[in-house]
Amino acid sequence: MKVFIIGSVGESENNIALVAGEFRNLGCDVRYVYKQEKPFAKLVDAAFAIIDSWADVVVVVPKTITYTSAVKVGEGTTYEIEYAKKCGKPVLVYTNV
């Protein structure tokens, strides 16, 4: 299974990498977002391309999870979640970080 892991790199980069490792240990092919010196729009476009043409499933690593089960993500992650849904890709929120 091809898993694309997304999240707010500025706040969750280490957790994103840890989650990627967990999915690799399960035998999944994994790609994930990471810090890059590119314009925001280009980063989101690159994520859309991976979602559209490569990923079987999208896994979200949230910034925070509150006691009310509210999941907080950044602007780019929100766009990527909605795009994945539009493409018919399953979107899972990873809460065991």
C-alpha atoms as a PDB file:
ATOM      1  CA  MET A   1       0.000   0.000   0.000  1.00  0.00           C
ATOM      2  CA  LYS A   2       1.224   3.498  -0.872  1.00  0.00           C
ATOM      3  CA  VAL A   3       0.821   5.852   2.083  1.00  0.00           C
ATOM      4  CA  PHE A   4       1.267   9.625   1.883  1.00  0.00           C
ATOM      5  CA  ILE A   5       1.717  11.248   5.285  1.00  0.00           C
ATOM      6  CA  ILE A   6       0.821  14.907   5.658  1.00  0.00           C
ATOM      7  CA  GLY A   7       0.818  17.420   8.481  1.00  0.00           C
ATOM      8  CA  SER A   8       2.057  20.829   9.526  1.00  0.00           C
ATOM      9  CA  VAL A   9       5.781  20.502   8.981  1.00  0.00           C
ATOM     10  CA  GLY A  10       6.647  23.490  11.146  1.00  0.00           C
ATOM     11  CA  GLU A  11       5.078  21.928  14.224  1.00  0.00           C
ATOM     12  CA  SER A  12       4.912  18.204  13.507  1.00  0.00           C
ATOM     13  CA  GLU A  13       7.984  17.377  11.387  1.00  0.00           C
ATOM     14  CA  ASN A  14       9.485  14.916  13.888  1.00  0.00           C
ATOM     15  CA  ASN A  15       6.141  13.191  14.452  1.00  0.00           C
ATOM     16  CA  ILE A  16       5.550  12.951  10.694  1.00  0.00           C
ATOM     17  CA  ALA A  17       8.902  11.183  10.266  1.00  0.00           C
ATOM     18  CA  LEU A  18       8.120   8.821  13.171  1.00  0.00           C
ATOM     19  CA  VAL A  19       4.743   7.901  11.687  1.00  0.00           C
ATOM     20  CA  ALA A  20       6.414   7.316   8.314  1.00  0.00           C
ATOM     21  CA  GLY A  21       8.782   4.875   9.999  1.00  0.00           C
ATOM     22  CA  GLU A  22       5.891   3.020  11.596  1.00  0.00           C
ATOM     23  CA  PHE A  23       4.155   2.546   8.250  1.00  0.00           C
ATOM     24  CA  ARG A  24       7.423   1.452   6.618  1.00  0.00           C
ATOM     25  CA  ASN A  25       7.825  -1.158   9.357  1.00  0.00           C
ATOM     26  CA  LEU A  26       4.400  -2.473   8.347  1.00  0.00           C
ATOM     27  CA  GLY A  27       5.670  -2.935   4.788  1.00  0.00           C
ATOM     28  CA  CYS A  28       4.037   0.120   3.232  1.00  0.00           C
ATOM     29  CA  ASP A  29       5.594   2.300   0.553  1.00  0.00           C
ATOM     30  CA  VAL A  30       5.722   5.727   2.197  1.00  0.00           C
ATOM     31  CA  ARG A  31       6.147   9.328   1.162  1.00  0.00           C
ATOM     32  CA  TYR A  32       5.706  12.259   3.499  1.00  0.00           C
ATOM     33  CA  VAL A  33       5.904  16.025   3.701  1.00  0.00           C
ATOM     34  CA  TYR A  34       9.060  17.615   5.048  1.00  0.00           C
ATOM     35  CA  LYS A  35      10.538  21.089   5.403  1.00  0.00           C
ATOM     36  CA  GLN A  36      11.580  22.632   2.087  1.00  0.00           C
ATOM     37  CA  GLU A  37      12.561  26.119   1.003  1.00  0.00           C
ATOM     38  CA  LYS A  38       9.859  26.505  -1.651  1.00  0.00           C
ATOM     39  CA  PRO A  39       6.838  28.777  -1.946  1.00  0.00           C
ATOM     40  CA  PHE A  40       3.745  27.549  -0.109  1.00  0.00           C
ATOM     41  CA  ALA A  41       1.727  27.144  -3.324  1.00  0.00           C
ATOM     42  CA  LYS A  42       4.412  24.928  -4.897  1.00  0.00           C
ATOM     43  CA  LEU A  43       4.499  22.691  -1.817  1.00  0.00           C
ATOM     44  CA  VAL A  44       0.730  22.273  -1.877  1.00  0.00           C
ATOM     45  CA  ASP A  45       0.776  21.585  -5.639  1.00  0.00           C
ATOM     46  CA  ALA A  46       3.451  18.910  -5.129  1.00  0.00           C
ATOM     47  CA  ALA A  47       1.345  17.297  -2.406  1.00  0.00           C
ATOM     48  CA  PHE A  48      -1.703  17.347  -4.687  1.00  0.00           C
ATOM     49  CA  ALA A  49       0.290  15.561  -7.401  1.00  0.00           C
ATOM     50  CA  ILE A  50       1.330  12.802  -4.979  1.00  0.00           C
ATOM     51  CA  ILE A  51      -2.232  12.431  -3.715  1.00  0.00           C
ATOM     52  CA  ASP A  52      -3.657  12.321  -7.219  1.00  0.00           C
ATOM     53  CA  SER A  53      -1.204  10.054  -8.999  1.00  0.00           C
ATOM     54  CA  TRP A  54       0.520   7.949  -6.356  1.00  0.00           C
ATOM     55  CA  ALA A  55      -1.114   7.586  -2.926  1.00  0.00           C
ATOM     56  CA  ASP A  56      -3.572   4.843  -2.015  1.00  0.00           C
ATOM     57  CA  VAL A  57      -4.290   6.452   1.342  1.00  0.00           C
ATOM     58  CA  VAL A  58      -3.492   9.773   3.037  1.00  0.00           C
ATOM     59  CA  VAL A  59      -2.549   9.811   6.716  1.00  0.00           C
ATOM     60  CA  VAL A  60      -2.791  13.070   8.652  1.00  0.00           C
ATOM     61  CA  VAL A  61      -0.497  13.793  11.602  1.00  0.00           C
ATOM     62  CA  PRO A  62      -2.294  16.636  13.423  1.00  0.00           C
ATOM     63  CA  LYS A  63      -0.653  19.533  15.242  1.00  0.00           C
ATOM     64  CA  THR A  64      -2.664  18.742  18.358  1.00  0.00           C
ATOM     65  CA  ILE A  65      -5.567  16.640  19.503  1.00  0.00           C
ATOM     66  CA  THR A  66      -7.753  17.979  22.292  1.00  0.00           C
ATOM     67  CA  TYR A  67      -9.848  16.153  24.847  1.00  0.00           C
ATOM     68  CA  THR A  68     -12.912  17.012  22.780  1.00  0.00           C
ATOM     69  CA  SER A  69     -11.411  15.002  19.898  1.00  0.00           C
ATOM     70  CA  ALA A  70     -10.855  18.167  17.897  1.00  0.00           C
ATOM     71  CA  VAL A  71      -7.950  17.759  15.488  1.00  0.00           C
ATOM     72  CA  LYS A  72      -5.936  20.856  14.611  1.00  0.00           C
ATOM     73  CA  VAL A  73      -4.093  21.074  11.301  1.00  0.00           C
ATOM     74  CA  GLY A  74      -2.584  23.915   9.309  1.00  0.00           C
ATOM     75  CA  GLU A  75      -3.841  25.622   6.184  1.00  0.00           C
ATOM     76  CA  GLY A  76      -1.863  23.515   3.700  1.00  0.00           C
ATOM     77  CA  THR A  77      -2.851  20.289   5.431  1.00  0.00           C
ATOM     78  CA  THR A  78      -6.498  21.352   5.258  1.00  0.00           C
ATOM     79  CA  TYR A  79      -6.209  21.857   1.494  1.00  0.00           C
ATOM     80  CA  GLU A  80      -4.497  18.486   1.095  1.00  0.00           C
ATOM     81  CA  ILE A  81      -7.185  16.693   3.143  1.00  0.00           C
ATOM     82  CA  GLU A  82      -9.966  18.200   1.065  1.00  0.00           C
ATOM     83  CA  TYR A  83      -8.170  17.414  -2.193  1.00  0.00           C
ATOM     84  CA  ALA A  84      -7.649  13.793  -1.137  1.00  0.00           C
ATOM     85  CA  LYS A  85     -11.362  13.502  -0.368  1.00  0.00           C
ATOM     86  CA  LYS A  86     -12.202  14.987  -3.774  1.00  0.00           C
ATOM     87  CA  CYS A  87      -9.933  12.363  -5.385  1.00  0.00           C
ATOM     88  CA  GLY A  88     -11.749   9.606  -3.486  1.00  0.00           C
ATOM     89  CA  LYS A  89      -8.695   8.690  -1.386  1.00  0.00           C
ATOM     90  CA  PRO A  90      -9.205   7.461   2.178  1.00  0.00           C
ATOM     91  CA  VAL A  91      -8.001  10.011   4.754  1.00  0.00           C
ATOM     92  CA  LEU A  92      -6.969   8.690   8.158  1.00  0.00           C
ATOM     93  CA  VAL A  93      -6.012  10.807  11.166  1.00  0.00           C
ATOM     94  CA  TYR A  94      -3.115   9.313  13.116  1.00  0.00           C
ATOM     95  CA  THR A  95      -3.730  10.022  16.783  1.00  0.00           C
ATOM     96  CA  ASN A  96      -1.171   7.780  18.463  1.00  0.00           C
ATOM     97  CA  VAL A  97       1.749  10.243  18.463  1.00  0.00           C
END
